[in-house]
Amino acid sequence: MRFGIISTADIGVQSVLPGIAASEHEIAAVASRDGARAEDVAEQFDAPSAYDGYDAMLDDDTLDAVYIPLPNGLHAEWIRRAADAGLHVLCEKPLTGNAAETEAVFDYCEARDVVLMEAFMYRFHPLTERALEIVETELGEVRSVTSTFTFRIPDDAEDIRLDPDLAGGSIMDVGCYAISAARLFLGNPDRVYGETTDRRDCGVDTEMTGVLSYDDGATASVQSGFETPLTQYYRVRTTDGWLRADPTFDIGVENSTSLTYSVDGETTTEQFDPTDHYRLEVEHFADCVERDVTPRVDRTESVEIMRIIDAIKESADLGGPVALE
């Protein structure tokens, strides 16, 4: 598969483009608002074409798909433009600013017969796959999940994640991971309660805490933030034990990781060698396109995560719980 890259954002250049380069697929073109920057990145990854502007690249009929790491608020527009060009789309999370718009971009892509997948790379790490297997086959009924992803943005930083016009905020940037993990283990909640804080008076949340409540009494606690050092983990509690993984989401491709679980008082730790989960994500996406099958991170998952994000924001505004249909 020949990929065009829309934007030279750090997540792409540092993580996803190396993943594509390590796969059997090809970085065929790089586009940037800065033509010189596009040329530099194209040269770095031996891409044959560089474009000054995104529209120009979409006219390249040698491409099969695009990868989009633009700011959140620009995703929907360029997903649609790529679909209009007949290109399959791998797009960074979150796909859009709300659940209704997420539904709409999936409708748009389906009408044009192109595959759209949200780039939750952690879903393809062997750690995540094994954690799901343990919870489903070796542990009892899940009663609670705690999931957290925080890091600190320097006080003097000019960061797009602090820009409300670009759909910034901690819940959109890293909270979506915590919510994704809670949903993996417990499914969709029946009610949501959320609190958010804008400690920098920037117009977006810089800290978020949410409680997902289920009719059977199970709960999940999710946290995100830009105000405290890097923390990324989840803990699952069941009727007969528990599981904890740390780190879990943004695991460096050269870093090992582990999970520990306990069943009826017997504790086991499993280690995982360094893994390029960006490469695995790209390979899965391309394989789904080739075989015409639904991606692991599918329409339902993307929409439901966004519905929970919407509900947390609504709850924070209202000061009370919000029921999900």
C-alpha atoms as a PDB file:
ATOM      1  CA  MET A   1       0.000   0.000   0.000  1.00  0.00           C
ATOM      2  CA  ARG A   2       1.283   3.475  -0.949  1.00  0.00           C
ATOM      3  CA  PHE A   3       0.639   6.041   1.793  1.00  0.00           C
ATOM      4  CA  GLY A   4       0.449   9.786   1.490  1.00  0.00           C
ATOM      5  CA  ILE A   5       1.086  11.719   4.689  1.00  0.00           C
ATOM      6  CA  ILE A   6      -1.047  14.790   5.395  1.00  0.00           C
ATOM      7  CA  SER A   7       1.060  16.957   7.761  1.00  0.00           C
ATOM      8  CA  THR A   8       4.516  16.585   9.227  1.00  0.00           C
ATOM      9  CA  ALA A   9       3.304  16.568  12.851  1.00  0.00           C
ATOM     10  CA  ASP A  10       5.618  15.018  15.427  1.00  0.00           C
ATOM     11  CA  ILE A  11       3.434  11.940  16.079  1.00  0.00           C
ATOM     12  CA  GLY A  12       3.713  11.048  12.417  1.00  0.00           C
ATOM     13  CA  VAL A  13       7.391  11.792  11.864  1.00  0.00           C
ATOM     14  CA  GLN A  14       8.575  10.260  15.137  1.00  0.00           C
ATOM     15  CA  SER A  15       6.283   7.224  15.382  1.00  0.00           C
ATOM     16  CA  VAL A  16       3.868   6.349  12.570  1.00  0.00           C
ATOM     17  CA  LEU A  17       6.104   7.044   9.565  1.00  0.00           C
ATOM     18  CA  PRO A  18       8.867   4.821  11.019  1.00  0.00           C
ATOM     19  CA  GLY A  19       6.153   2.183  11.499  1.00  0.00           C
ATOM     20  CA  ILE A  20       5.133   2.408   7.852  1.00  0.00           C
ATOM     21  CA  ALA A  21       8.786   2.326   6.784  1.00  0.00           C
ATOM     22  CA  ALA A  22       9.347  -0.822   8.872  1.00  0.00           C
ATOM     23  CA  SER A  23       6.389  -2.565   7.220  1.00  0.00           C
ATOM     24  CA  GLU A  24       6.041  -3.935   3.697  1.00  0.00           C
ATOM     25  CA  HIS A  25       4.153  -0.762   2.757  1.00  0.00           C
ATOM     26  CA  GLU A  26       5.516   2.513   1.362  1.00  0.00           C
ATOM     27  CA  ILE A  27       5.606   6.179   2.294  1.00  0.00           C
ATOM     28  CA  ALA A  28       4.979   7.468  -1.214  1.00  0.00           C
ATOM     29  CA  ALA A  29       4.312  11.165  -0.574  1.00  0.00           C
ATOM     30  CA  VAL A  30       4.543  13.779   2.163  1.00  0.00           C
ATOM     31  CA  ALA A  31       2.511  17.001   2.237  1.00  0.00           C
ATOM     32  CA  SER A  32       2.983  20.014   4.487  1.00  0.00           C
ATOM     33  CA  ARG A  33       1.907  23.646   4.608  1.00  0.00           C
ATOM     34  CA  ASP A  34       5.675  24.256   4.458  1.00  0.00           C
ATOM     35  CA  GLY A  35       7.009  22.799   1.208  1.00  0.00           C
ATOM     36  CA  ALA A  36      10.594  22.747   2.476  1.00  0.00           C
ATOM     37  CA  ARG A  37       9.507  20.786   5.538  1.00  0.00           C
ATOM     38  CA  ALA A  38       7.679  18.294   3.301  1.00  0.00           C
ATOM     39  CA  GLU A  39      10.839  17.830   1.260  1.00  0.00           C
ATOM     40  CA  ASP A  40      12.952  17.273   4.372  1.00  0.00           C
ATOM     41  CA  VAL A  41      10.602  14.604   5.750  1.00  0.00           C
ATOM     42  CA  ALA A  42      10.217  12.950   2.341  1.00  0.00           C
ATOM     43  CA  GLU A  43      14.008  12.746   2.053  1.00  0.00           C
ATOM     44  CA  GLN A  44      14.257  11.352   5.594  1.00  0.00           C
ATOM     45  CA  PHE A  45      11.947   8.460   4.692  1.00  0.00           C
ATOM     46  CA  ASP A  46      12.936   8.043   1.023  1.00  0.00           C
ATOM     47  CA  ALA A  47       9.492   9.108  -0.146  1.00  0.00           C
ATOM     48  CA  PRO A  48       9.518   9.874  -3.880  1.00  0.00           C
ATOM     49  CA  SER A  49       7.168  12.879  -3.704  1.00  0.00           C
ATOM     50  CA  ALA A  50       6.814  15.984  -1.530  1.00  0.00           C
ATOM     51  CA  TYR A  51       3.977  18.510  -1.793  1.00  0.00           C
ATOM     52  CA  ASP A  52       3.583  22.113  -0.727  1.00  0.00           C
ATOM     53  CA  GLY A  53       0.008  21.919   0.528  1.00  0.00           C
ATOM     54  CA  TYR A  54      -2.352  19.044   1.232  1.00  0.00           C
ATOM     55  CA  ASP A  55      -4.668  19.467  -1.762  1.00  0.00           C
ATOM     56  CA  ALA A  56      -1.827  18.954  -4.204  1.00  0.00           C
ATOM     57  CA  MET A  57      -1.025  15.565  -2.749  1.00  0.00           C
ATOM     58  CA  LEU A  58      -4.625  14.382  -2.971  1.00  0.00           C
ATOM     59  CA  ASP A  59      -4.362  14.751  -6.756  1.00  0.00           C
ATOM     60  CA  ASP A  60      -1.584  12.115  -6.781  1.00  0.00           C
ATOM     61  CA  ASP A  61      -3.311   9.122  -8.387  1.00  0.00           C
ATOM     62  CA  THR A  62      -0.500   6.740  -7.403  1.00  0.00           C
ATOM     63  CA  LEU A  63      -1.598   6.753  -3.751  1.00  0.00           C
ATOM     64  CA  ASP A  64      -3.782   4.130  -2.058  1.00  0.00           C
ATOM     65  CA  ALA A  65      -4.296   5.683   1.376  1.00  0.00           C
ATOM     66  CA  VAL A  66      -3.469   8.654   3.580  1.00  0.00           C
ATOM     67  CA  TYR A  67      -2.376   8.980   7.167  1.00  0.00           C
ATOM     68  CA  ILE A  68      -3.672  12.124   8.921  1.00  0.00           C
ATOM     69  CA  PRO A  69      -1.939  13.470  12.059  1.00  0.00           C
ATOM     70  CA  LEU A  70      -3.369  16.988  11.815  1.00  0.00           C
ATOM     71  CA  PRO A  71      -4.750  18.868  14.859  1.00  0.00           C
ATOM     72  CA  ASN A  72      -8.040  17.362  16.042  1.00  0.00           C
ATOM     73  CA  GLY A  73     -10.186  20.189  14.723  1.00  0.00           C
ATOM     74  CA  LEU A  74      -8.981  19.611  11.152  1.00  0.00           C
ATOM     75  CA  HIS A  75      -9.500  15.841  10.990  1.00  0.00           C
ATOM     76  CA  ALA A  76     -13.065  15.786   9.675  1.00  0.00           C
ATOM     77  CA  GLU A  77     -12.359  18.155   6.778  1.00  0.00           C
ATOM     78  CA  TRP A  78      -9.372  16.203   5.510  1.00  0.00           C
ATOM     79  CA  ILE A  79     -10.978  12.810   6.068  1.00  0.00           C
ATOM     80  CA  ARG A  80     -13.706  13.959   3.692  1.00  0.00           C
ATOM     81  CA  ARG A  81     -11.270  15.393   1.177  1.00  0.00           C
ATOM     82  CA  ALA A  82      -9.243  12.184   1.166  1.00  0.00           C
ATOM     83  CA  ALA A  83     -12.413  10.133   0.718  1.00  0.00           C
ATOM     84  CA  ASP A  84     -13.415  12.348  -2.206  1.00  0.00           C
ATOM     85  CA  ALA A  85     -10.083  11.406  -3.779  1.00  0.00           C
ATOM     86  CA  GLY A  86     -10.880   7.712  -3.301  1.00  0.00           C
ATOM     87  CA  LEU A  87      -8.184   7.241  -0.642  1.00  0.00           C
ATOM     88  CA  HIS A  88      -8.478   5.020   2.420  1.00  0.00           C
ATOM     89  CA  VAL A  89      -7.877   6.895   5.677  1.00  0.00           C
ATOM     90  CA  LEU A  90      -5.876   6.121   8.805  1.00  0.00           C
ATOM     91  CA  CYS A  91      -6.460   9.130  11.077  1.00  0.00           C
ATOM     92  CA  GLU A  92      -5.138  10.023  14.507  1.00  0.00           C
ATOM     93  CA  LYS A  93      -7.463  10.012  17.455  1.00  0.00           C
ATOM     94  CA  PRO A  94      -9.919  11.510  18.057  1.00  0.00           C
ATOM     95  CA  LEU A  95     -11.426  11.355  14.599  1.00  0.00           C
ATOM     96  CA  THR A  96     -13.604  14.434  15.160  1.00  0.00           C
ATOM     97  CA  GLY A  97     -14.854  16.777  17.859  1.00  0.00           C
ATOM     98  CA  ASN A  98     -18.031  14.894  18.817  1.00  0.00           C
ATOM     99  CA  ALA A  99     -19.982  11.686  18.284  1.00  0.00           C
ATOM    100  CA  ALA A 100     -22.389  13.080  15.683  1.00  0.00           C
ATOM    101  CA  GLU A 101     -19.518  14.271  13.518  1.00  0.00           C
ATOM    102  CA  THR A 102     -17.766  10.927  13.946  1.00  0.00           C
ATOM    103  CA  GLU A 103     -20.886   9.150  12.691  1.00  0.00           C
ATOM    104  CA  ALA A 104     -20.990  11.587   9.783  1.00  0.00           C
ATOM    105  CA  VAL A 105     -17.406  10.973   8.607  1.00  0.00           C
ATOM    106  CA  PHE A 106     -17.964   7.214   8.715  1.00  0.00           C
ATOM    107  CA  ASP A 107     -21.118   7.690   6.622  1.00  0.00           C
ATOM    108  CA  TYR A 108     -19.129   9.832   4.203  1.00  0.00           C
ATOM    109  CA  CYS A 109     -16.347   7.285   3.806  1.00  0.00           C
ATOM    110  CA  GLU A 110     -18.732   4.352   3.475  1.00  0.00           C
ATOM    111  CA  ALA A 111     -20.634   6.174   0.718  1.00  0.00           C
ATOM    112  CA  ARG A 112     -17.356   6.517  -1.175  1.00  0.00           C
ATOM    113  CA  ASP A 113     -16.282   2.935  -0.473  1.00  0.00           C
ATOM    114  CA  VAL A 114     -13.125   3.838   1.434  1.00  0.00           C
ATOM    115  CA  VAL A 115     -11.947   2.423   4.770  1.00  0.00           C
ATOM    116  CA  LEU A 116     -11.632   4.768   7.743  1.00  0.00           C
ATOM    117  CA  MET A 117      -9.779   3.704  10.903  1.00  0.00           C
ATOM    118  CA  GLU A 118      -8.944   5.661  14.034  1.00  0.00           C
ATOM    119  CA  ALA A 119      -5.299   5.297  15.035  1.00  0.00           C
ATOM    120  CA  PHE A 120      -5.443   3.897  18.574  1.00  0.00           C
ATOM    121  CA  MET A 121      -2.038   2.224  18.277  1.00  0.00           C
ATOM    122  CA  TYR A 122      -2.109   0.698  21.785  1.00  0.00           C
ATOM    123  CA  ARG A 123      -4.906  -1.630  20.653  1.00  0.00           C
ATOM    124  CA  PHE A 124      -2.327  -3.526  18.579  1.00  0.00           C
ATOM    125  CA  HIS A 125       0.318  -4.004  21.253  1.00  0.00           C
ATOM    126  CA  PRO A 126       0.637  -7.593  22.526  1.00  0.00           C
ATOM    127  CA  LEU A 127       0.218  -6.209  26.057  1.00  0.00           C
ATOM    128  CA  THR A 128      -3.303  -5.019  25.256  1.00  0.00           C
ATOM    129  CA  GLU A 129      -4.215  -8.235  23.464  1.00  0.00           C
ATOM    130  CA  ARG A 130      -2.974 -10.347  26.380  1.00  0.00           C
ATOM    131  CA  ALA A 131      -4.690  -8.175  28.998  1.00  0.00           C
ATOM    132  CA  LEU A 132      -8.018  -8.643  27.219  1.00  0.00           C
ATOM    133  CA  GLU A 133      -7.413 -12.393  26.978  1.00  0.00           C
ATOM    134  CA  ILE A 134      -6.633 -12.697  30.699  1.00  0.00           C
ATOM    135  CA  VAL A 135      -9.674 -10.685  31.754  1.00  0.00           C
ATOM    136  CA  GLU A 136     -11.968 -12.630  29.424  1.00  0.00           C
ATOM    137  CA  THR A 137     -10.678 -16.144  30.116  1.00  0.00           C
ATOM    138  CA  GLU A 138      -8.841 -16.256  33.442  1.00  0.00           C
ATOM    139  CA  LEU A 139     -10.460 -13.681  35.710  1.00  0.00           C
ATOM    140  CA  GLY A 140     -14.003 -13.454  37.012  1.00  0.00           C
ATOM    141  CA  GLU A 141     -16.637 -10.762  36.541  1.00  0.00           C
ATOM    142  CA  VAL A 142     -15.215  -7.261  36.156  1.00  0.00           C
ATOM    143  CA  ARG A 143     -16.450  -4.915  38.878  1.00  0.00           C
ATOM    144  CA  SER A 144     -14.267  -1.852  38.394  1.00  0.00           C
ATOM    145  CA  VAL A 145     -11.624  -0.309  36.147  1.00  0.00           C
ATOM    146  CA  THR A 146      -9.280   2.567  36.869  1.00  0.00           C
ATOM    147  CA  SER A 147      -7.544   4.061  33.855  1.00  0.00           C
ATOM    148  CA  THR A 148      -5.248   7.091  33.783  1.00  0.00           C
ATOM    149  CA  PHE A 149      -3.156   8.954  31.225  1.00  0.00           C
ATOM    150  CA  THR A 150      -1.504  12.239  32.198  1.00  0.00           C
ATOM    151  CA  PHE A 151       1.598  14.220  31.299  1.00  0.00           C
ATOM    152  CA  ARG A 152       2.775  17.763  31.884  1.00  0.00           C
ATOM    153  CA  ILE A 153       2.762  20.497  29.245  1.00  0.00           C
ATOM    154  CA  PRO A 154       5.228  23.234  30.291  1.00  0.00           C
ATOM    155  CA  ASP A 155       3.561  26.392  31.591  1.00  0.00           C
ATOM    156  CA  ASP A 156       5.103  28.577  28.876  1.00  0.00           C
ATOM    157  CA  ALA A 157       4.352  26.215  25.982  1.00  0.00           C
ATOM    158  CA  GLU A 158       2.374  27.319  22.930  1.00  0.00           C
ATOM    159  CA  ASP A 159       0.717  23.998  22.259  1.00  0.00           C
ATOM    160  CA  ILE A 160      -2.128  23.157  19.867  1.00  0.00           C
ATOM    161  CA  ARG A 161      -3.525  20.853  22.551  1.00  0.00           C
ATOM    162  CA  LEU A 162      -4.412  24.002  24.528  1.00  0.00           C
ATOM    163  CA  ASP A 163      -6.343  25.563  21.615  1.00  0.00           C
ATOM    164  CA  PRO A 164     -10.161  25.307  21.758  1.00  0.00           C
ATOM    165  CA  ASP A 165     -10.438  26.175  18.049  1.00  0.00           C
ATOM    166  CA  LEU A 166      -8.497  22.985  17.233  1.00  0.00           C
ATOM    167  CA  ALA A 167     -10.551  20.729  19.563  1.00  0.00           C
ATOM    168  CA  GLY A 168      -7.833  20.639  22.201  1.00  0.00           C
ATOM    169  CA  GLY A 169      -8.007  19.524  25.820  1.00  0.00           C
ATOM    170  CA  SER A 170      -6.690  16.661  27.886  1.00  0.00           C
ATOM    171  CA  ILE A 171      -9.785  14.520  27.420  1.00  0.00           C
ATOM    172  CA  MET A 172      -9.405  14.724  23.641  1.00  0.00           C
ATOM    173  CA  ASP A 173      -5.651  14.152  23.640  1.00  0.00           C
ATOM    174  CA  VAL A 174      -5.041  11.461  26.266  1.00  0.00           C
ATOM    175  CA  GLY A 175      -8.357  10.984  28.060  1.00  0.00           C
ATOM    176  CA  CYS A 176      -9.662   9.159  25.006  1.00  0.00           C
ATOM    177  CA  TYR A 177      -7.107   6.403  25.719  1.00  0.00           C
ATOM    178  CA  ALA A 178      -8.272   6.017  29.309  1.00  0.00           C
ATOM    179  CA  ILE A 179     -11.896   5.884  28.148  1.00  0.00           C
ATOM    180  CA  SER A 180     -11.037   3.402  25.409  1.00  0.00           C
ATOM    181  CA  ALA A 181      -9.429   1.050  27.949  1.00  0.00           C
ATOM    182  CA  ALA A 182     -12.348   1.290  30.373  1.00  0.00           C
ATOM    183  CA  ARG A 183     -14.749   0.476  27.558  1.00  0.00           C
ATOM    184  CA  LEU A 184     -12.628  -2.493  26.434  1.00  0.00           C
ATOM    185  CA  PHE A 185     -13.044  -4.172  29.807  1.00  0.00           C
ATOM    186  CA  LEU A 186     -16.537  -3.031  30.815  1.00  0.00           C
ATOM    187  CA  GLY A 187     -18.356  -2.017  27.639  1.00  0.00           C
ATOM    188  CA  ASN A 188     -20.550   1.055  27.291  1.00  0.00           C
ATOM    189  CA  PRO A 189     -21.700   2.681  30.548  1.00  0.00           C
ATOM    190  CA  ASP A 190     -25.281   3.567  31.404  1.00  0.00           C
ATOM    191  CA  ARG A 191     -24.414   6.867  33.105  1.00  0.00           C
ATOM    192  CA  VAL A 192     -21.454   9.218  33.073  1.00  0.00           C
ATOM    193  CA  TYR A 193     -20.287  11.805  35.587  1.00  0.00           C
ATOM    194  CA  GLY A 194     -17.469  14.164  34.702  1.00  0.00           C
ATOM    195  CA  GLU A 195     -15.462  16.991  36.169  1.00  0.00           C
ATOM    196  CA  THR A 196     -13.024  19.135  34.190  1.00  0.00           C
ATOM    197  CA  THR A 197     -10.646  21.923  35.134  1.00  0.00           C
ATOM    198  CA  ASP A 198      -9.062  24.609  32.977  1.00  0.00           C
ATOM    199  CA  ARG A 199      -6.110  25.563  35.175  1.00  0.00           C
ATOM    200  CA  ARG A 200      -4.547  27.733  32.439  1.00  0.00           C
ATOM    201  CA  ASP A 201      -7.628  29.703  31.425  1.00  0.00           C
ATOM    202  CA  CYS A 202      -7.038  28.549  27.852  1.00  0.00           C
ATOM    203  CA  GLY A 203     -10.558  27.444  26.956  1.00  0.00           C
ATOM    204  CA  VAL A 204     -10.051  23.659  27.175  1.00  0.00           C
ATOM    205  CA  ASP A 205      -9.819  21.183  30.017  1.00  0.00           C
ATOM    206  CA  THR A 206      -6.315  20.669  31.346  1.00  0.00           C
ATOM    207  CA  GLU A 207      -7.499  18.029  33.831  1.00  0.00           C
ATOM    208  CA  MET A 208     -10.426  15.594  33.665  1.00  0.00           C
ATOM    209  CA  THR A 209     -11.922  12.995  35.962  1.00  0.00           C
ATOM    210  CA  GLY A 210     -14.830  10.848  34.864  1.00  0.00           C
ATOM    211  CA  VAL A 211     -16.872   8.096  36.475  1.00  0.00           C
ATOM    212  CA  LEU A 212     -18.606   5.595  34.207  1.00  0.00           C
ATOM    213  CA  SER A 213     -21.491   3.833  35.930  1.00  0.00           C
ATOM    214  CA  TYR A 214     -23.227   0.588  34.947  1.00  0.00           C
ATOM    215  CA  ASP A 215     -26.669  -0.673  35.915  1.00  0.00           C
ATOM    216  CA  ASP A 216     -25.177  -3.800  37.511  1.00  0.00           C
ATOM    217  CA  GLY A 217     -23.137  -1.669  39.936  1.00  0.00           C
ATOM    218  CA  ALA A 218     -19.808  -1.855  38.101  1.00  0.00           C
ATOM    219  CA  THR A 219     -17.857   1.397  37.723  1.00  0.00           C
ATOM    220  CA  ALA A 220     -14.885   2.819  35.878  1.00  0.00           C
ATOM    221  CA  SER A 221     -12.795   5.813  36.885  1.00  0.00           C
ATOM    222  CA  VAL A 222     -10.929   7.625  34.099  1.00  0.00           C
ATOM    223  CA  GLN A 223      -8.462  10.482  34.426  1.00  0.00           C
ATOM    224  CA  SER A 224      -6.452  12.668  32.058  1.00  0.00           C
ATOM    225  CA  GLY A 225      -4.429  15.820  32.382  1.00  0.00           C
ATOM    226  CA  PHE A 226      -1.669  18.153  31.267  1.00  0.00           C
ATOM    227  CA  GLU A 227      -0.639  19.241  34.770  1.00  0.00           C
ATOM    228  CA  THR A 228       1.187  16.272  36.319  1.00  0.00           C
ATOM    229  CA  PRO A 229       4.087  13.997  35.274  1.00  0.00           C
ATOM    230  CA  LEU A 230       3.640  11.123  32.849  1.00  0.00           C
ATOM    231  CA  THR A 231       1.329   8.430  34.208  1.00  0.00           C
ATOM    232  CA  GLN A 232      -0.301   5.779  32.043  1.00  0.00           C
ATOM    233  CA  TYR A 233      -1.839   2.633  33.441  1.00  0.00           C
ATOM    234  CA  TYR A 234      -5.025   0.691  33.985  1.00  0.00           C
ATOM    235  CA  ARG A 235      -6.147  -1.601  36.778  1.00  0.00           C
ATOM    236  CA  VAL A 236      -9.027  -4.043  36.438  1.00  0.00           C
ATOM    237  CA  ARG A 237     -10.692  -5.483  39.554  1.00  0.00           C
ATOM    238  CA  THR A 238     -12.782  -8.630  39.334  1.00  0.00           C
ATOM    239  CA  THR A 239     -14.733 -10.871  41.682  1.00  0.00           C
ATOM    240  CA  ASP A 240     -11.722 -13.147  42.087  1.00  0.00           C
ATOM    241  CA  GLY A 241      -8.691 -10.958  41.471  1.00  0.00           C
ATOM    242  CA  TRP A 242      -7.193  -8.073  39.563  1.00  0.00           C
ATOM    243  CA  LEU A 243      -4.953  -7.062  36.655  1.00  0.00           C
ATOM    244  CA  ARG A 244      -2.640  -4.048  36.357  1.00  0.00           C
ATOM    245  CA  ALA A 245      -0.612  -2.852  33.370  1.00  0.00           C
ATOM    246  CA  ASP A 246       1.891   0.012  33.494  1.00  0.00           C
ATOM    247  CA  PRO A 247       2.833   1.590  31.091  1.00  0.00           C
ATOM    248  CA  THR A 248       0.000   0.819  28.751  1.00  0.00           C
ATOM    249  CA  PHE A 249      -0.709   3.363  26.011  1.00  0.00           C
ATOM    250  CA  ASP A 250       2.269   5.302  24.663  1.00  0.00           C
ATOM    251  CA  ILE A 251       4.879   2.574  25.070  1.00  0.00           C
ATOM    252  CA  GLY A 252       8.147   3.410  23.319  1.00  0.00           C
ATOM    253  CA  VAL A 253       8.882   0.986  20.507  1.00  0.00           C
ATOM    254  CA  GLU A 254      12.264   0.265  22.087  1.00  0.00           C
ATOM    255  CA  ASN A 255      10.805  -0.252  25.572  1.00  0.00           C
ATOM    256  CA  SER A 256       9.641  -3.439  27.230  1.00  0.00           C
ATOM    257  CA  THR A 257       6.588  -3.467  29.470  1.00  0.00           C
ATOM    258  CA  SER A 258       4.685  -5.838  31.740  1.00  0.00           C
ATOM    259  CA  LEU A 259       1.382  -6.692  33.310  1.00  0.00           C
ATOM    260  CA  THR A 260       0.614  -8.356  36.614  1.00  0.00           C
ATOM    261  CA  TYR A 261      -2.544 -10.209  37.527  1.00  0.00           C
ATOM    262  CA  SER A 262      -3.861 -12.138  40.494  1.00  0.00           C
ATOM    263  CA  VAL A 263      -6.467 -14.907  40.556  1.00  0.00           C
ATOM    264  CA  ASP A 264      -7.642 -16.219  43.942  1.00  0.00           C
ATOM    265  CA  GLY A 265      -4.520 -14.833  45.577  1.00  0.00           C
ATOM    266  CA  GLU A 266      -2.012 -16.289  43.097  1.00  0.00           C
ATOM    267  CA  THR A 267      -0.083 -13.504  41.369  1.00  0.00           C
ATOM    268  CA  THR A 268       1.624 -13.702  37.966  1.00  0.00           C
ATOM    269  CA  THR A 269       3.729 -11.154  36.074  1.00  0.00           C
ATOM    270  CA  GLU A 270       4.238 -11.327  32.306  1.00  0.00           C
ATOM    271  CA  GLN A 271       6.880  -9.394  30.404  1.00  0.00           C
ATOM    272  CA  PHE A 272       6.572  -8.051  26.847  1.00  0.00           C
ATOM    273  CA  ASP A 273       9.547  -7.363  24.632  1.00  0.00           C
ATOM    274  CA  PRO A 274       9.867  -4.063  22.750  1.00  0.00           C
ATOM    275  CA  THR A 275       7.210  -3.930  20.023  1.00  0.00           C
ATOM    276  CA  ASP A 276       6.500  -1.444  17.241  1.00  0.00           C
ATOM    277  CA  HIS A 277       2.748  -1.207  17.724  1.00  0.00           C
ATOM    278  CA  TYR A 278       2.644   1.577  15.117  1.00  0.00           C
ATOM    279  CA  ARG A 279       3.876  -0.902  12.524  1.00  0.00           C
ATOM    280  CA  LEU A 280       1.305  -3.447  13.687  1.00  0.00           C
ATOM    281  CA  GLU A 281      -1.416  -0.792  13.428  1.00  0.00           C
ATOM    282  CA  VAL A 282      -0.405   0.087   9.856  1.00  0.00           C
ATOM    283  CA  GLU A 283      -0.218  -3.560   8.832  1.00  0.00           C
ATOM    284  CA  HIS A 284      -3.652  -4.266  10.303  1.00  0.00           C
ATOM    285  CA  PHE A 285      -5.176  -1.273   8.516  1.00  0.00           C
ATOM    286  CA  ALA A 286      -3.658  -2.240   5.168  1.00  0.00           C
ATOM    287  CA  ASP A 287      -4.711  -5.865   5.604  1.00  0.00           C
ATOM    288  CA  CYS A 288      -8.303  -4.815   6.307  1.00  0.00           C
ATOM    289  CA  VAL A 289      -8.328  -2.708   3.141  1.00  0.00           C
ATOM    290  CA  GLU A 290      -6.897  -5.551   1.060  1.00  0.00           C
ATOM    291  CA  ARG A 291      -9.282  -8.195   2.431  1.00  0.00           C
ATOM    292  CA  ASP A 292     -12.295  -5.854   2.695  1.00  0.00           C
ATOM    293  CA  VAL A 293     -12.878  -6.616   6.371  1.00  0.00           C
ATOM    294  CA  THR A 294     -13.812  -4.361   9.285  1.00  0.00           C
ATOM    295  CA  PRO A 295     -10.835  -2.946  11.247  1.00  0.00           C
ATOM    296  CA  ARG A 296     -10.324  -3.828  14.897  1.00  0.00           C
ATOM    297  CA  VAL A 297     -10.930  -0.181  15.802  1.00  0.00           C
ATOM    298  CA  ASP A 298     -14.226   0.061  13.965  1.00  0.00           C
ATOM    299  CA  ARG A 299     -17.049   2.529  13.563  1.00  0.00           C
ATOM    300  CA  THR A 300     -18.828   1.343  16.709  1.00  0.00           C
ATOM    301  CA  GLU A 301     -15.745   1.688  18.899  1.00  0.00           C
ATOM    302  CA  SER A 302     -14.868   5.157  17.620  1.00  0.00           C
ATOM    303  CA  VAL A 303     -18.425   6.463  17.957  1.00  0.00           C
ATOM    304  CA  GLU A 304     -19.001   5.007  21.421  1.00  0.00           C
ATOM    305  CA  ILE A 305     -15.743   6.420  22.806  1.00  0.00           C
ATOM    306  CA  MET A 306     -16.781   9.819  21.450  1.00  0.00           C
ATOM    307  CA  ARG A 307     -20.268   9.494  22.975  1.00  0.00           C
ATOM    308  CA  ILE A 308     -18.640   8.967  26.373  1.00  0.00           C
ATOM    309  CA  ILE A 309     -16.376  11.993  25.837  1.00  0.00           C
ATOM    310  CA  ASP A 310     -19.407  14.094  24.896  1.00  0.00           C
ATOM    311  CA  ALA A 311     -21.234  12.907  28.022  1.00  0.00           C
ATOM    312  CA  ILE A 312     -18.289  13.712  30.311  1.00  0.00           C
ATOM    313  CA  LYS A 313     -18.145  17.238  28.892  1.00  0.00           C
ATOM    314  CA  GLU A 314     -21.923  17.649  29.240  1.00  0.00           C
ATOM    315  CA  SER A 315     -21.840  16.348  32.813  1.00  0.00           C
ATOM    316  CA  ALA A 316     -19.027  18.753  33.714  1.00  0.00           C
ATOM    317  CA  ASP A 317     -21.101  21.643  32.369  1.00  0.00           C
ATOM    318  CA  LEU A 318     -24.289  20.508  34.132  1.00  0.00           C
ATOM    319  CA  GLY A 319     -22.659  19.475  37.405  1.00  0.00           C
ATOM    320  CA  GLY A 320     -24.471  16.144  37.461  1.00  0.00           C
ATOM    321  CA  PRO A 321     -24.619  12.696  35.844  1.00  0.00           C
ATOM    322  CA  VAL A 322     -25.666  12.207  32.230  1.00  0.00           C
ATOM    323  CA  ALA A 323     -27.506   9.087  31.079  1.00  0.00           C
ATOM    324  CA  LEU A 324     -26.408   7.404  27.860  1.00  0.00           C
ATOM    325  CA  GLU A 325     -29.094   5.987  25.601  1.00  0.00           C
END
